[in-house]
């Protein structure tokens, strides 16, 4: 059945405030599950179940599926479709306000979701930093955001978001998704991104400080770092220790360079 077949009979209007552009192509949902490369011991999470297009494919794996949906109007749709399945667990709540209980720290988890454009980065941050034992994140973003997540130093898309995400994961664009595969169709295309965890060099308690430090470096993107840190007389020494010239700009430093620069700043 198509997305409209589940929405229209219930007289549901899609709300802009929730960023409701629902995936309407089962083939895309199948591809999303495929790139998740789920294993028999995984537990799956979906952020933004909507009317269940991706949920259906996740449940077909036979693995436990914990589906979050912020809009209570869709509870009836989701329960009518999947409520009889023992591996279906529904949370009608705002994922951003959810506090994971102890069982979320057990086993291995794989996160999925067609994320609302307006809160996609906030959801990503929470999924990355508030949950443990995650083996992979598979999220759909606005294409421009996907490019930022995966950008390389020196590219126009490279920025503080690239560095924060790449300091804890290895992101990769799996495939692009045309805007025609959604109901209603958004104005831009999307892309599915896989993110695999890596061992972080920044301690958990310093993530916010590291993020603020990097954002300050990118405050005026085209300016040299010395102009974005005018109060730091030690900056020339730091750059020299990294074998970087004083004329270096924020976008020219790789993720490991930013981590090293932050550690030097923290040492004082």
Protein backbone atom coordinates (compact mmCIF):
# COMPACT_ATOMS: atom_id res chain seq x y z
CA UNK A 1 0.00 0.00 0.00
CA UNK A 2 1.12 3.55 -0.68
CA UNK A 3 1.65 6.19 2.00
CA UNK A 4 -1.57 7.97 1.02
CA UNK A 5 -3.51 4.74 1.58
CA UNK A 6 -2.62 4.89 5.27
CA UNK A 7 -2.98 8.67 5.74
CA UNK A 8 -6.08 9.61 3.76
CA UNK A 9 -8.59 7.19 5.38
CA UNK A 10 -7.76 8.71 8.78
CA UNK A 11 -8.19 12.26 7.48
CA UNK A 12 -4.68 13.20 8.58
CA UNK A 13 -3.04 16.41 7.44
CA UNK A 14 0.74 16.57 7.48
CA UNK A 15 2.14 19.31 9.70
CA UNK A 16 5.04 21.50 8.64
CA UNK A 17 6.09 22.00 12.27
CA UNK A 18 6.95 18.29 12.46
CA UNK A 19 8.77 18.31 9.12
CA UNK A 20 6.42 15.64 7.84
CA UNK A 21 7.66 14.64 4.40
CA UNK A 22 7.03 10.91 4.53
CA UNK A 23 8.95 8.38 2.48
CA UNK A 24 6.45 6.90 0.02
CA UNK A 25 8.57 4.37 -1.89
CA UNK A 26 8.93 0.87 -0.43
CA UNK A 27 11.98 0.24 -2.64
CA UNK A 28 13.86 3.09 -0.98
CA UNK A 29 12.87 1.75 2.44
CA UNK A 30 14.28 -1.64 1.47
CA UNK A 31 17.57 -0.05 0.38
CA UNK A 32 17.82 1.81 3.68
CA UNK A 33 17.49 -1.43 5.62
CA UNK A 34 20.04 -3.10 3.35
CA UNK A 35 22.75 -0.51 4.03
CA UNK A 36 22.12 -0.99 7.75
CA UNK A 37 23.67 -4.47 7.35
CA UNK A 38 21.74 -5.72 10.36
CA UNK A 39 22.91 -8.76 12.30
CA UNK A 40 20.92 -11.39 14.14
CA UNK A 41 21.68 -9.91 17.56
CA UNK A 42 20.89 -6.28 16.69
CA UNK A 43 18.13 -4.17 18.14
CA UNK A 44 16.77 -1.55 15.77
CA UNK A 45 15.60 2.00 16.41
CA UNK A 46 13.58 4.18 14.07
CA UNK A 47 13.33 7.91 14.69
CA UNK A 48 10.18 9.28 13.07
CA UNK A 49 8.01 6.30 12.16
CA UNK A 50 5.28 8.36 10.50
CA UNK A 51 2.79 6.01 8.87
CA UNK A 52 5.27 3.13 8.83
CA UNK A 53 6.86 2.82 5.38
CA UNK A 54 10.35 2.22 6.77
CA UNK A 55 8.98 0.58 9.93
CA UNK A 56 7.44 -2.17 7.80
CA UNK A 57 10.79 -3.06 6.22
CA UNK A 58 12.60 -2.94 9.57
CA UNK A 59 10.06 -5.33 11.11
CA UNK A 60 10.54 -7.75 8.22
CA UNK A 61 14.05 -8.44 9.58
CA UNK A 62 12.43 -10.14 12.57
CA UNK A 63 14.57 -8.05 14.91
CA UNK A 64 13.18 -5.93 17.76
CA UNK A 65 12.16 -2.52 16.40
CA UNK A 66 11.80 0.46 18.74
CA UNK A 67 9.93 3.11 16.78
CA UNK A 68 9.64 6.76 17.89
CA UNK A 69 6.89 9.04 16.60
CA UNK A 70 6.28 12.56 17.88
CA UNK A 71 2.79 13.00 16.42
CA UNK A 72 0.16 11.18 18.52
CA UNK A 73 -2.26 11.21 15.59
CA UNK A 74 -0.21 8.44 13.95
CA UNK A 75 -0.39 6.07 16.91
CA UNK A 76 -3.63 4.53 15.61
CA UNK A 77 -2.14 4.01 12.15
CA UNK A 78 1.02 2.40 13.48
CA UNK A 79 -0.75 0.16 15.98
CA UNK A 80 -3.28 -0.96 13.40
CA UNK A 81 -0.46 -1.93 11.05
CA UNK A 82 2.04 -3.46 13.46
CA UNK A 83 0.51 -3.71 16.93
CA UNK A 84 0.07 -7.48 16.66
CA UNK A 85 3.79 -8.06 16.01
CA UNK A 86 5.81 -9.08 19.09
CA UNK A 87 8.95 -7.30 17.86
CA UNK A 88 7.22 -3.90 17.51
CA UNK A 89 7.74 -1.36 20.30
CA UNK A 90 6.19 2.09 19.86
CA UNK A 91 7.12 5.31 21.66
CA UNK A 92 4.75 8.22 21.09
CA UNK A 93 7.09 10.93 22.27
CA UNK A 94 9.59 13.51 21.11
CA UNK A 95 12.85 11.63 20.61
CA UNK A 96 14.79 14.78 21.55
CA UNK A 97 13.23 14.70 25.03
CA UNK A 98 13.56 10.96 25.58
CA UNK A 99 15.89 9.80 28.35
CA UNK A 100 17.20 6.29 27.56
CA UNK A 101 16.76 3.72 30.32
CA UNK A 102 19.36 1.17 31.38
CA UNK A 103 18.38 -1.49 28.82
CA UNK A 104 19.45 0.88 26.02
CA UNK A 105 23.03 0.27 27.15
CA UNK A 106 22.73 -3.50 26.56
CA UNK A 107 23.41 -5.34 23.32
CA UNK A 108 24.07 -3.66 19.98
CA UNK A 109 21.77 -1.14 18.34
CA UNK A 110 21.34 0.16 14.81
CA UNK A 111 19.55 3.48 14.36
CA UNK A 112 17.43 4.35 11.31
CA UNK A 113 15.34 7.32 10.34
CA UNK A 114 14.09 9.68 7.67
CA UNK A 115 14.86 12.74 9.76
CA UNK A 116 12.79 15.96 9.63
CA UNK A 117 14.96 18.57 7.95
CA UNK A 118 14.37 21.22 10.63
CA UNK A 119 15.71 19.12 13.53
CA UNK A 120 17.92 16.57 11.75
CA UNK A 121 21.20 17.80 13.26
CA UNK A 122 19.72 17.93 16.77
CA UNK A 123 18.43 14.35 16.40
CA UNK A 124 21.80 13.22 15.08
CA UNK A 125 23.62 14.75 18.04
CA UNK A 126 21.31 13.04 20.51
CA UNK A 127 21.56 9.69 18.74
CA UNK A 128 25.35 9.95 18.68
CA UNK A 129 25.92 11.11 22.23
CA UNK A 130 23.02 9.91 24.42
CA UNK A 131 23.01 6.24 23.46
CA UNK A 132 25.67 3.59 24.01
CA UNK A 133 26.45 0.34 22.20
CA UNK A 134 25.38 1.67 18.79
CA UNK A 135 26.91 -0.27 15.90
CA UNK A 136 25.68 1.95 13.08
CA UNK A 137 23.46 4.94 12.38
CA UNK A 138 21.55 5.05 9.07
CA UNK A 139 19.82 8.39 8.64
CA UNK A 140 18.28 10.26 5.73
CA UNK A 141 19.15 13.96 5.57
CA UNK A 142 18.60 16.87 3.26
CA UNK A 143 21.27 16.36 0.59
CA UNK A 144 23.14 19.55 1.51
CA UNK A 145 23.39 18.41 5.13
CA UNK A 146 24.65 14.99 4.03
CA UNK A 147 27.42 16.72 2.08
CA UNK A 148 28.39 18.71 5.17
CA UNK A 149 28.57 15.59 7.33
CA UNK A 150 30.93 13.84 4.91
CA UNK A 151 32.94 16.84 3.67
CA UNK A 152 36.73 16.92 3.39
CA UNK A 153 39.02 19.75 4.55
CA UNK A 154 39.23 22.56 2.03
CA UNK A 155 35.83 21.89 0.47
CA UNK A 156 32.99 24.42 0.59
CA UNK A 157 30.81 22.04 2.64
CA UNK A 158 33.45 21.41 5.31
CA UNK A 159 32.73 23.05 8.65
CA UNK A 160 32.25 22.60 12.37
CA UNK A 161 29.48 20.01 11.86
CA UNK A 162 31.82 17.92 9.68
CA UNK A 163 34.48 17.98 12.38
CA UNK A 164 32.16 17.18 15.28
CA UNK A 165 30.60 14.21 13.48
CA UNK A 166 33.87 12.90 12.02
CA UNK A 167 35.53 13.07 15.43
CA UNK A 168 33.26 10.23 16.61
CA UNK A 169 32.09 8.45 13.43
CA UNK A 170 33.05 7.57 9.90
CA UNK A 171 30.18 8.99 7.79
CA UNK A 172 29.52 8.00 4.19
CA UNK A 173 26.76 8.85 1.73
CA UNK A 174 25.12 5.54 0.80
CA UNK A 175 22.82 6.86 -1.92
CA UNK A 176 20.89 9.93 -3.00
CA UNK A 177 17.07 10.03 -2.87
CA UNK A 178 14.99 12.17 -5.21
CA UNK A 179 12.38 14.48 -3.70
CA UNK A 180 9.78 12.63 -5.80
CA UNK A 181 9.91 9.69 -3.35
CA UNK A 182 8.17 11.63 -0.56
CA UNK A 183 4.64 12.73 0.32
CA UNK A 184 4.39 15.66 0.13
CA UNK A 185 7.42 16.27 -2.07
CA UNK A 186 9.97 18.59 -0.43
CA UNK A 187 11.80 21.26 -2.42
CA UNK A 188 15.17 19.49 -2.27
CA UNK A 189 16.62 16.01 -2.65
CA UNK A 190 17.82 13.85 0.23
CA UNK A 191 20.58 11.35 0.88
CA UNK A 192 20.98 8.33 3.13
CA UNK A 193 24.12 8.49 5.25
CA UNK A 194 25.69 5.64 7.19
CA UNK A 195 27.77 6.52 10.24
CA UNK A 196 30.01 3.94 11.90
CA UNK A 197 31.48 4.69 15.33
CA UNK A 198 35.21 5.19 15.85
CA UNK A 199 37.18 5.47 19.06
CA UNK A 200 36.83 9.14 20.09
CA UNK A 201 39.89 11.12 21.14
CA UNK A 202 37.81 13.77 22.89
CA UNK A 203 36.52 12.64 26.32
CA UNK A 204 32.75 12.57 26.68
CA UNK A 205 32.81 15.37 29.25
CA UNK A 206 34.66 17.70 26.86
CA UNK A 207 32.50 17.34 23.75
CA UNK A 208 30.64 20.59 24.29
CA UNK A 209 33.89 22.47 24.90
CA UNK A 210 35.44 20.94 21.80
CA UNK A 211 32.39 21.80 19.72
CA UNK A 212 32.39 25.41 20.95
CA UNK A 213 36.12 25.69 20.23
CA UNK A 214 35.69 24.50 16.65
CA UNK A 215 32.65 26.71 16.05
CA UNK A 216 34.67 29.71 17.17
CA UNK A 217 37.36 28.80 14.65
CA UNK A 218 34.74 28.82 11.90
CA UNK A 219 32.98 31.98 13.12
CA UNK A 220 34.37 33.93 10.15
CA UNK A 221 35.04 31.18 7.69
CA UNK A 222 37.23 33.06 5.25
CA UNK A 223 39.38 34.69 7.91
CA UNK A 224 42.64 33.23 9.13
CA UNK A 225 42.51 31.42 12.47
CA UNK A 226 44.55 34.13 14.15
CA UNK A 227 41.68 36.55 13.47
CA UNK A 228 39.07 34.18 14.91
CA UNK A 229 41.18 33.71 18.06
CA UNK A 230 42.54 37.26 18.50
CA UNK A 231 43.02 36.80 22.26
CA UNK A 232 45.19 33.70 21.84
CA UNK A 233 48.81 34.79 21.75
CA UNK A 234 49.84 31.13 21.79
CA UNK A 235 48.17 30.34 18.48
CA UNK A 236 51.34 30.82 16.35
CA UNK A 237 53.14 28.28 18.55
CA UNK A 238 50.25 25.82 18.30
CA UNK A 239 50.15 26.06 14.52
CA UNK A 240 53.90 25.69 14.31
CA UNK A 241 53.72 22.50 16.38
CA UNK A 242 51.22 21.19 13.81
CA UNK A 243 53.51 22.27 10.95
CA UNK A 244 50.86 24.76 9.81
CA UNK A 245 51.54 28.35 8.66
CA UNK A 246 50.17 31.34 10.55
CA UNK A 247 47.95 32.09 7.56
CA UNK A 248 45.97 28.86 8.08
CA UNK A 249 42.18 29.07 7.86
CA UNK A 250 39.74 26.87 9.78
CA UNK A 251 38.64 24.93 6.70
CA UNK A 252 42.24 23.91 5.96
CA UNK A 253 42.64 21.88 9.17
CA UNK A 254 41.63 18.23 9.20
CA UNK A 255 39.73 16.59 12.04
CA UNK A 256 42.91 15.29 13.70
CA UNK A 257 44.42 18.79 13.42
CA UNK A 258 41.41 20.29 15.21
CA UNK A 259 41.63 17.68 17.95
CA UNK A 260 45.33 18.43 18.41
CA UNK A 261 44.69 22.17 18.41
CA UNK A 262 41.97 21.78 21.03
CA UNK A 263 44.27 19.72 23.26
CA UNK A 264 46.97 22.40 23.02
CA UNK A 265 44.42 25.09 23.90
CA UNK A 266 43.19 23.06 26.88
CA UNK A 267 46.74 22.63 28.20
CA UNK A 268 47.06 26.40 28.38
